[in-house]
Structures are given as structure tokens and as C-alpha cells.
N, C-alpha and C. Protein backbone atom coordinates (compact mmCIF):
# COMPACT_ATOMS: atom_id res chain seq x y z
N MET A 1 0.79 -0.98 -0.11
CA MET A 1 0.03 -0.20 0.01
C MET A 1 1.23 1.28 0.15
N GLY A 2 0.54 2.42 -0.88
CA GLY A 2 1.28 3.15 -0.95
C GLY A 2 0.28 4.69 -0.83
N ARG A 3 0.58 5.59 -0.03
CA ARG A 3 0.60 7.05 -0.23
C ARG A 3 0.60 8.13 -0.11
N LEU A 4 -0.36 9.27 -0.88
CA LEU A 4 0.72 10.19 -1.40
C LEU A 4 -0.51 11.16 -1.30
N GLU A 5 0.16 12.14 -0.26
CA GLU A 5 -0.86 13.73 -0.09
C GLU A 5 -0.06 14.92 -0.90
N ILE A 6 -1.06 15.39 -1.23
CA ILE A 6 -0.60 16.95 -1.32
C ILE A 6 -1.70 17.97 -1.51
N ASP A 7 -1.31 19.37 -1.04
CA ASP A 7 -2.21 20.42 -1.05
C ASP A 7 -2.36 20.78 -2.95
N SER A 8 -3.20 21.60 -2.50
CA SER A 8 -3.59 22.31 -4.36
C SER A 8 -4.33 21.06 -4.53
N TRP A 9 -4.82 20.62 -3.94
CA TRP A 9 -5.60 19.30 -5.57
C TRP A 9 -6.71 19.86 -5.97
N HIS A 10 -7.29 21.09 -5.63
CA HIS A 10 -7.64 21.52 -6.53
C HIS A 10 -7.65 22.71 -7.80
N ALA A 11 -5.87 23.24 -7.62
CA ALA A 11 -5.63 23.74 -8.91
C ALA A 11 -4.90 22.82 -9.90
N MET A 12 -4.24 21.53 -9.58
CA MET A 12 -3.61 20.51 -10.19
C MET A 12 -4.90 19.72 -10.43
N HIS A 13 -5.77 19.51 -10.29
CA HIS A 13 -7.06 19.24 -11.08
C HIS A 13 -6.82 19.55 -12.28
N TYR A 14 -7.32 20.80 -11.68
CA TYR A 14 -7.66 22.67 -13.02
C TYR A 14 -6.42 22.16 -14.16
N LEU A 15 -5.46 22.30 -13.67
CA LEU A 15 -3.85 22.29 -14.91
C LEU A 15 -4.50 21.42 -15.66
N LEU A 16 -4.59 19.60 -15.12
CA LEU A 16 -4.85 18.43 -15.49
C LEU A 16 -6.03 18.36 -15.97
N THR A 17 -7.12 18.96 -16.04
CA THR A 17 -8.71 18.77 -16.59
C THR A 17 -9.24 19.86 -17.23
N GLU A 18 -8.65 21.28 -16.89
CA GLU A 18 -9.65 22.72 -17.15
C GLU A 18 -11.20 22.68 -16.76
N ASP A 19 -11.28 21.39 -16.10
CA ASP A 19 -12.59 21.65 -14.86
C ASP A 19 -11.82 22.59 -13.54
N ILE A 20 -13.36 23.56 -13.12
CA ILE A 20 -13.67 24.31 -11.41
C ILE A 20 -14.20 23.11 -10.74
N SER A 21 -15.44 22.51 -10.81
CA SER A 21 -15.62 21.61 -10.29
C SER A 21 -15.57 20.78 -9.24
N LEU A 22 -15.98 21.25 -7.61
CA LEU A 22 -15.57 20.78 -6.52
C LEU A 22 -15.64 19.34 -6.39
N TRP A 23 -15.15 18.91 -5.83
CA TRP A 23 -14.26 17.23 -5.50
C TRP A 23 -16.30 16.53 -5.75
N GLU A 24 -17.47 16.90 -4.16
CA GLU A 24 -18.44 16.21 -4.86
C GLU A 24 -19.50 16.80 -5.90
N GLU A 25 -19.18 17.62 -7.22
CA GLU A 25 -19.67 18.27 -8.13
C GLU A 25 -18.91 17.54 -9.23
N CYS A 26 -18.00 17.04 -8.84
CA CYS A 26 -17.02 16.40 -9.99
C CYS A 26 -18.29 15.35 -10.65
N GLN A 27 -18.09 16.07 -12.24
CA GLN A 27 -19.21 14.19 -13.12
C GLN A 27 -18.56 14.03 -14.30
N ILE A 28 -16.64 14.32 -14.20
CA ILE A 28 -16.21 14.58 -15.28
C ILE A 28 -16.36 12.88 -15.96
N PRO A 29 -17.18 12.25 -17.36
CA PRO A 29 -16.70 11.17 -17.53
C PRO A 29 -16.16 10.91 -17.57
N PHE A 30 -14.48 11.14 -18.41
CA PHE A 30 -13.52 10.41 -18.96
C PHE A 30 -12.48 10.63 -17.87
N ILE A 31 -11.73 9.57 -18.12
CA ILE A 31 -9.75 9.25 -17.12
C ILE A 31 -9.47 10.21 -17.96
N VAL A 32 -9.57 10.07 -19.22
CA VAL A 32 -8.15 10.01 -20.25
C VAL A 32 -8.94 10.80 -22.05
N ALA A 33 -8.79 12.27 -22.51
CA ALA A 33 -9.57 12.80 -22.75
C ALA A 33 -8.41 13.97 -23.59
N ARG A 34 -8.61 13.92 -24.97
CA ARG A 34 -8.07 14.83 -25.70
C ARG A 34 -9.40 15.93 -26.52
N LYS A 35 -8.96 17.68 -26.34
CA LYS A 35 -9.61 18.40 -26.16
C LYS A 35 -9.48 18.86 -27.53
N LYS A 36 -11.01 18.96 -28.05
CA LYS A 36 -11.18 19.09 -29.60
C LYS A 36 -10.61 20.27 -29.85
N GLU A 37 -10.59 21.64 -29.37
CA GLU A 37 -10.40 22.78 -29.79
C GLU A 37 -8.57 23.11 -30.28
N ASN A 38 -7.70 22.29 -29.14
CA ASN A 38 -6.15 22.03 -29.84
C ASN A 38 -5.46 21.12 -29.06
N ASN A 39 -6.27 19.91 -28.92
CA ASN A 39 -5.64 18.48 -29.06
C ASN A 39 -4.71 18.59 -27.55
N ARG A 40 -5.56 19.12 -26.17
CA ARG A 40 -4.98 18.97 -25.31
C ARG A 40 -5.31 18.09 -24.68
N LEU A 41 -3.94 16.95 -23.92
CA LEU A 41 -4.47 15.91 -23.21
C LEU A 41 -4.98 16.33 -22.25
N LEU A 42 -6.40 15.87 -21.52
CA LEU A 42 -7.10 16.35 -20.34
C LEU A 42 -6.87 14.86 -19.47
N ILE A 43 -6.56 14.90 -18.35
CA ILE A 43 -6.20 13.57 -17.18
C ILE A 43 -7.02 13.81 -16.03
N ASN A 44 -7.58 13.00 -15.97
CA ASN A 44 -8.45 12.79 -14.57
C ASN A 44 -8.02 12.42 -13.49
N ALA A 45 -6.81 11.96 -13.40
CA ALA A 45 -6.14 12.06 -11.97
C ALA A 45 -6.61 12.44 -11.21
N VAL A 46 -6.90 13.56 -10.44
CA VAL A 46 -6.87 13.68 -8.85
C VAL A 46 -8.35 13.20 -8.80
N MET A 47 -9.19 13.68 -8.97
CA MET A 47 -11.31 13.91 -8.22
C MET A 47 -10.94 12.66 -9.05
N GLY A 48 -10.85 11.93 -10.39
CA GLY A 48 -11.48 10.20 -10.60
C GLY A 48 -12.84 10.30 -10.96
N ARG A 49 -13.52 8.84 -10.81
CA ARG A 49 -14.86 9.21 -11.89
C ARG A 49 -15.59 8.05 -11.10
N THR A 50 -15.12 7.08 -10.44
CA THR A 50 -16.74 6.62 -9.68
C THR A 50 -16.14 6.77 -8.53
N SER A 51 -17.50 6.86 -7.71
CA SER A 51 -17.41 7.17 -6.64
C SER A 51 -18.03 5.77 -6.05
N ILE A 52 -17.67 5.85 -4.45
CA ILE A 52 -18.32 4.49 -3.49
C ILE A 52 -19.27 4.89 -2.64
N GLU A 53 -20.66 4.69 -2.92
CA GLU A 53 -21.29 5.21 -2.28
C GLU A 53 -21.37 4.44 -0.95
N GLY A 54 -22.25 5.50 0.26
CA GLY A 54 -22.29 5.82 1.54
C GLY A 54 -20.51 5.65 2.43
N THR A 55 -19.88 6.07 1.20
CA THR A 55 -18.37 7.14 1.39
C THR A 55 -18.36 8.62 1.88
N LYS A 56 -19.51 9.31 1.91
CA LYS A 56 -20.54 10.26 2.23
C LYS A 56 -18.99 11.02 2.86
N GLY A 57 -18.41 12.03 3.64
CA GLY A 57 -17.33 12.23 4.85
C GLY A 57 -17.81 12.57 6.12
N SER A 58 -17.57 12.05 7.20
CA SER A 58 -17.68 12.50 8.62
C SER A 58 -16.95 14.33 8.63
N PHE A 59 -16.70 14.58 10.00
CA PHE A 59 -16.17 16.27 9.84
C PHE A 59 -14.88 16.04 10.07
N LYS A 60 -13.76 15.37 9.47
CA LYS A 60 -12.91 15.55 8.77
C LYS A 60 -12.45 15.86 7.58
N ASP A 61 -13.23 14.87 6.80
CA ASP A 61 -13.52 14.83 5.43
C ASP A 61 -14.97 15.46 4.22
N PHE A 62 -14.73 15.30 3.89
CA PHE A 62 -16.52 15.52 2.57
C PHE A 62 -15.92 14.56 0.97
N GLY A 63 -17.11 14.05 0.76
CA GLY A 63 -16.89 14.34 -0.58
C GLY A 63 -16.90 12.50 -0.75
N PRO A 64 -17.31 11.78 -1.20
CA PRO A 64 -16.96 10.45 -1.41
C PRO A 64 -15.15 10.25 -1.69
N VAL A 65 -15.66 8.70 -1.17
CA VAL A 65 -13.84 8.07 -1.56
C VAL A 65 -14.58 7.76 -3.31
N LYS A 66 -13.85 7.59 -3.58
CA LYS A 66 -13.72 7.19 -5.46
C LYS A 66 -12.61 6.49 -5.83
N TYR A 67 -12.91 5.73 -6.50
CA TYR A 67 -11.56 4.85 -6.94
C TYR A 67 -11.38 4.63 -8.59
N LEU A 68 -10.29 4.07 -8.40
CA LEU A 68 -9.66 3.70 -9.66
C LEU A 68 -9.72 2.32 -10.12
N VAL A 69 -10.09 1.29 -11.52
CA VAL A 69 -9.13 -0.04 -11.38
C VAL A 69 -8.15 0.33 -12.28
N PRO A 70 -7.36 -0.92 -12.53
CA PRO A 70 -5.81 -0.96 -13.04
C PRO A 70 -5.96 -0.48 -13.89
N SER A 71 -6.86 -0.40 -14.39
CA SER A 71 -6.22 -0.08 -16.35
C SER A 71 -6.77 1.72 -15.84
N GLU A 72 -7.37 2.01 -15.52
CA GLU A 72 -7.50 3.71 -15.14
C GLU A 72 -6.13 3.85 -14.90
N THR A 73 -5.58 3.28 -14.04
CA THR A 73 -4.49 3.60 -13.63
C THR A 73 -3.37 3.72 -13.88
N GLN A 74 -3.53 2.49 -15.20
CA GLN A 74 -2.63 2.59 -16.74
C GLN A 74 -2.79 3.96 -17.09
N GLN A 75 -3.57 3.79 -17.32
CA GLN A 75 -4.09 4.74 -18.42
C GLN A 75 -4.04 6.46 -18.15
N ILE A 76 -4.15 6.19 -17.18
CA ILE A 76 -3.67 8.03 -16.52
C ILE A 76 -2.51 8.12 -16.27
N SER A 77 -1.50 6.69 -15.79
CA SER A 77 0.17 7.12 -15.56
C SER A 77 0.81 7.15 -17.39
N GLU A 78 -0.16 6.52 -18.50
CA GLU A 78 1.26 6.99 -19.77
C GLU A 78 0.61 8.40 -20.11
N ALA A 79 -1.16 8.47 -19.28
CA ALA A 79 -1.14 10.73 -20.35
C ALA A 79 0.20 10.91 -19.58
N LEU A 80 0.31 10.93 -17.89
CA LEU A 80 1.00 12.04 -17.40
C LEU A 80 2.48 11.93 -18.07
N LEU A 81 2.48 10.73 -18.24
CA LEU A 81 4.27 10.95 -19.05
C LEU A 81 4.63 11.51 -20.42
N GLN A 82 3.36 11.87 -20.99
CA GLN A 82 3.38 12.61 -22.48
C GLN A 82 3.14 14.40 -21.87
N ILE A 83 2.92 14.79 -20.63
CA ILE A 83 3.06 16.42 -19.97
C ILE A 83 4.41 16.57 -20.02
N SER A 84 5.24 17.54 -20.86
CA SER A 84 6.76 18.03 -20.81
C SER A 84 6.54 19.27 -19.41
N GLU A 85 7.54 19.15 -18.99
CA GLU A 85 7.87 20.30 -18.24
C GLU A 85 7.60 21.82 -18.66
N LYS A 86 8.26 21.62 -20.59
CA LYS A 86 7.06 22.81 -21.25
C LYS A 86 5.60 23.07 -21.38
N GLU A 87 5.55 21.97 -21.18
CA GLU A 87 3.08 21.35 -21.59
C GLU A 87 3.44 22.51 -20.46
N PHE A 88 3.03 22.25 -19.38
CA PHE A 88 3.04 22.34 -17.92
C PHE A 88 2.98 23.31 -17.94
N ALA A 89 4.20 23.98 -17.91
CA ALA A 89 4.09 25.42 -17.72
C ALA A 89 3.58 26.44 -18.99
N ASN A 90 3.13 25.76 -19.69
CA ASN A 90 2.34 26.50 -20.63
C ASN A 90 0.62 26.58 -20.12
N ARG A 91 0.31 25.13 -19.42
CA ARG A 91 -0.88 24.80 -18.93
C ARG A 91 -0.92 26.42 -17.13
N TYR A 92 0.77 26.54 -16.90
CA TYR A 92 0.09 26.84 -15.35
C TYR A 92 -0.38 28.26 -15.90
N GLU A 93 0.62 29.25 -16.74
CA GLU A 93 0.58 30.29 -17.21
C GLU A 93 -0.99 30.33 -17.88
N GLU A 94 -1.42 30.36 -18.72
CA GLU A 94 -3.18 30.04 -19.43
C GLU A 94 -3.95 30.08 -18.28
N ALA A 95 -3.46 29.33 -16.98
CA ALA A 95 -4.69 29.62 -15.96
C ALA A 95 -4.34 30.31 -14.83
N CYS A 96 -2.94 31.08 -14.82
CA CYS A 96 -3.31 32.19 -14.41
C CYS A 96 -4.29 33.83 -15.03
N VAL A 97 -4.34 33.72 -16.01
CA VAL A 97 -4.31 34.16 -16.98
C VAL A 97 -6.11 34.29 -16.96
N LEU A 98 -6.37 33.00 -17.34
CA LEU A 98 -7.99 32.87 -17.46
C LEU A 98 -8.58 32.56 -16.04
N ASN A 99 -7.95 32.45 -15.46
CA ASN A 99 -8.77 32.01 -13.78
C ASN A 99 -8.15 33.04 -12.52
N PRO A 100 -7.44 34.29 -12.81
CA PRO A 100 -6.75 35.19 -11.97
C PRO A 100 -7.91 34.61 -10.41
N ASP A 101 -8.94 34.74 -10.66
CA ASP A 101 -9.90 35.41 -9.38
C ASP A 101 -10.55 33.86 -8.43
N VAL A 102 -10.55 32.49 -9.03
CA VAL A 102 -10.51 31.52 -8.74
C VAL A 102 -9.22 30.79 -7.89
N TYR A 103 -8.17 31.70 -8.79
CA TYR A 103 -6.85 30.15 -8.17
C TYR A 103 -6.91 31.77 -7.24
N ARG A 104 -6.62 32.32 -7.16
CA ARG A 104 -5.50 33.64 -6.78
C ARG A 104 -4.72 33.22 -5.65
N THR A 105 -5.21 32.63 -4.73
CA THR A 105 -3.78 32.48 -3.22
C THR A 105 -3.03 30.81 -4.34
N LEU A 106 -3.65 30.31 -4.80
CA LEU A 106 -2.88 29.04 -5.17
C LEU A 106 -1.80 29.78 -6.07
N TRP A 107 -1.95 30.53 -7.33
CA TRP A 107 -1.40 30.86 -7.95
C TRP A 107 0.31 31.77 -8.11
N ASP A 108 -0.35 32.21 -6.56
CA ASP A 108 0.96 32.67 -6.29
C ASP A 108 2.03 31.81 -6.08
N GLU A 109 2.13 30.52 -5.77
CA GLU A 109 3.43 29.70 -5.77
C GLU A 109 3.48 29.98 -7.43
N GLU A 110 5.13 29.43 -7.05
CA GLU A 110 5.80 29.30 -9.05
C GLU A 110 5.38 28.81 -9.17
N VAL A 111 5.68 27.88 -10.62
CA VAL A 111 5.26 26.85 -11.38
C VAL A 111 5.88 26.05 -10.88
N ASP A 112 6.62 25.76 -10.63
CA ASP A 112 8.15 25.00 -10.61
C ASP A 112 7.51 24.43 -9.37
N GLU A 113 6.58 24.95 -8.04
CA GLU A 113 5.81 24.32 -7.37
C GLU A 113 4.79 23.47 -7.99
N TYR A 114 4.48 23.76 -8.28
CA TYR A 114 3.70 22.90 -8.69
C TYR A 114 3.99 21.61 -10.03
N TRP A 115 5.06 22.11 -10.99
CA TRP A 115 5.48 20.91 -11.58
C TRP A 115 6.12 19.77 -10.33
N TYR A 116 6.75 20.37 -9.66
CA TYR A 116 6.97 18.99 -8.71
C TYR A 116 6.28 18.29 -8.19
N ILE A 117 4.74 18.79 -7.94
CA ILE A 117 3.56 18.36 -7.52
C ILE A 117 3.12 17.25 -8.27
N PHE A 118 3.41 17.70 -10.15
CA PHE A 118 2.86 16.97 -11.35
C PHE A 118 3.83 16.30 -10.82
N GLN A 119 4.62 15.63 -11.28
CA GLN A 119 5.94 14.99 -11.09
C GLN A 119 5.90 13.86 -9.51
N CYS A 120 5.44 14.29 -8.60
CA CYS A 120 5.07 13.99 -7.91
C CYS A 120 3.84 12.49 -7.77
N ILE A 121 2.70 13.23 -8.27
CA ILE A 121 1.97 12.28 -8.81
C ILE A 121 2.03 11.77 -10.11
N SER A 122 2.66 11.85 -10.76
CA SER A 122 3.11 11.32 -12.25
C SER A 122 3.46 10.02 -11.63
N LYS A 123 4.93 9.66 -10.92
CA LYS A 123 5.27 9.04 -10.17
C LYS A 123 4.72 8.08 -9.31
N TYR A 124 3.78 8.57 -9.19
CA TYR A 124 3.33 7.68 -7.43
C TYR A 124 2.05 6.86 -8.88
N TYR A 125 1.69 7.33 -9.74
CA TYR A 125 0.45 6.53 -10.98
C TYR A 125 1.67 5.19 -11.62
N ARG A 126 2.56 6.49 -12.11
CA ARG A 126 3.74 5.14 -12.79
C ARG A 126 4.16 3.73 -11.86
N ILE A 127 4.51 4.31 -10.41
CA ILE A 127 4.08 2.66 -9.69
C ILE A 127 3.05 1.82 -9.10
N ALA A 128 2.18 2.35 -9.16
CA ALA A 128 0.83 2.11 -9.15
C ALA A 128 1.05 1.25 -10.60
N ALA A 129 0.33 1.81 -11.33
CA ALA A 129 0.54 1.44 -13.16
C ALA A 129 1.48 -0.60 -12.69
N GLU A 130 2.81 -0.56 -13.09
CA GLU A 130 3.47 -0.70 -12.43
C GLU A 130 3.70 -2.96 -11.62
N GLU A 131 2.60 -2.03 -10.95
CA GLU A 131 2.32 -2.86 -10.44
C GLU A 131 0.53 -3.42 -11.03
N THR A 132 0.18 -3.08 -11.30
CA THR A 132 -1.11 -3.65 -11.26
C THR A 132 -2.59 -2.99 -10.76
N ARG A 133 -2.26 -2.02 -9.71
CA ARG A 133 -2.63 -1.95 -9.19
C ARG A 133 -3.98 -1.18 -8.92
N GLY A 134 -4.95 -0.96 -8.53
CA GLY A 134 -6.08 0.31 -8.70
C GLY A 134 -5.64 1.64 -7.83
N MET A 135 -6.92 1.72 -7.46
CA MET A 135 -6.81 3.88 -6.54
C MET A 135 -7.58 4.10 -5.67
N LEU A 136 -7.53 4.44 -4.51
CA LEU A 136 -8.69 4.69 -3.42
C LEU A 136 -8.70 6.32 -3.69
N LEU A 137 -8.81 7.59 -4.07
CA LEU A 137 -8.54 8.46 -3.65
C LEU A 137 -9.86 9.01 -2.64
N TYR A 138 -9.42 10.25 -2.05
CA TYR A 138 -10.03 10.55 -1.00
C TYR A 138 -9.25 12.27 -0.18
N LEU A 139 -10.33 12.34 -0.40
CA LEU A 139 -10.44 14.05 -0.08
C LEU A 139 -10.22 14.64 1.91
N GLY A 140 -9.64 14.56 2.44
CA GLY A 140 -9.85 15.57 4.11
C GLY A 140 -9.70 16.57 4.05
N CYS A 141 -9.92 16.90 4.89
CA CYS A 141 -9.78 18.18 4.93
C CYS A 141 -10.07 18.35 6.78
N PHE A 142 -8.79 18.69 7.24
CA PHE A 142 -8.49 19.95 8.81
C PHE A 142 -7.41 20.45 9.00
N TYR A 143 -8.00 21.41 9.51
CA TYR A 143 -6.95 22.84 9.08
C TYR A 143 -6.13 22.99 7.70
N GLY A 144 -7.70 22.90 6.80
CA GLY A 144 -6.14 22.70 5.24
C GLY A 144 -6.95 21.60 4.47
N VAL A 145 -6.33 21.86 3.84
CA VAL A 145 -7.04 20.12 2.47
C VAL A 145 -5.59 19.52 1.96
N ASP A 146 -5.88 18.20 2.30
CA ASP A 146 -4.80 17.29 2.13
C ASP A 146 -5.51 16.42 1.26
N PHE A 147 -4.66 16.43 0.63
CA PHE A 147 -5.43 15.06 -0.93
C PHE A 147 -4.52 13.77 -0.43
N MET A 148 -5.05 12.56 -0.38
CA MET A 148 -4.34 11.28 -0.09
C MET A 148 -4.87 9.76 -0.86
N TRP A 149 -4.14 9.78 -1.89
CA TRP A 149 -4.20 8.94 -2.51
C TRP A 149 -3.73 7.63 -1.75
N GLU A 150 -4.73 6.57 -1.80
CA GLU A 150 -4.54 5.39 -1.17
C GLU A 150 -4.12 4.09 -1.94
N MET A 151 -3.43 3.67 -2.14
CA MET A 151 -3.66 1.91 -3.71
C MET A 151 -4.67 0.96 -3.05
N GLN A 152 -5.07 -0.08 -3.58
CA GLN A 152 -5.97 -0.47 -2.56
C GLN A 152 -5.33 -2.02 -2.73
N ASP A 153 -4.97 -3.25 -2.30
CA ASP A 153 -4.28 -4.24 -1.89
C ASP A 153 -4.50 -4.89 -2.52
């Protein structure tokens, strides 16, 4: 079992999907897709697609736990490997211009910090895919936001 915790989960979700939905509202129908207008790769690596019923949070967390089956973990891992540092920086710059009010405090961070988080996510998915594992995606909230991925045994 492995675990990866990240802050700025919502900003990372936007950078990968161009979607501003909150955890409970997110209904993205894809795991990996291409945006028609510019052929940009969209990757639903942060919020996942399938919720586990009956897992809506308590006082420390919110939203349902979501999961990915091994084939979805593999798809996401392969897609993340296709995003170069230059492309990621372009996504970041666009996000700062297009959504300055939505992510005002998040965009105060430098692109290098987000690139590092992206690399951690990418590595985590790669390891899970190599081990043919699915994932549980869970969002907890306790004095701020931590995002936790738990790989299934």
C-alpha cells in the first residue's frame, strides 16, 4: 500500500482537466481525453470518476471516496508521462491568465512548485501501474486540505 498527500489538489485538477468543479460536484465522464479545440491531453488524475456509495465524509473529510481500477490507473500513468515540463508551464500560465480570481492564492506559488507536485503524482501513478494496482482517491480536510491517494491491496 502506498500513500501520496498533496496540497493544492483543486489547482492540480484544473491544470490537468481545465475543470473547476468541486470534489462532490465533479462529474467528468472521462479518465483520459483530448480537447477538441487544441488537442490538449486532459487527465482526470485527481478527482477520479467512480464514487463509492456510502462514503460521504465526516467532520474531517468531505465528499465520497472515489476509486480507479487498474486499467484506469494505467491509462492515467501513460497520459501523465506525455506532459512535458514546457507544456505544464504553458497550462500554468494560461490558468493564471484565465482564472486569476478562482485561484488567486494558489497562483501565488511558482510554477516550479506545481511542476514538482505534478512529478510526484506522475511517479505515484507509474508505480501503481507497474504493480497493476487500482487506487482509492480521498479528500480530507483538517486545518486545510490534504489530498490522499491510497492504493488498494
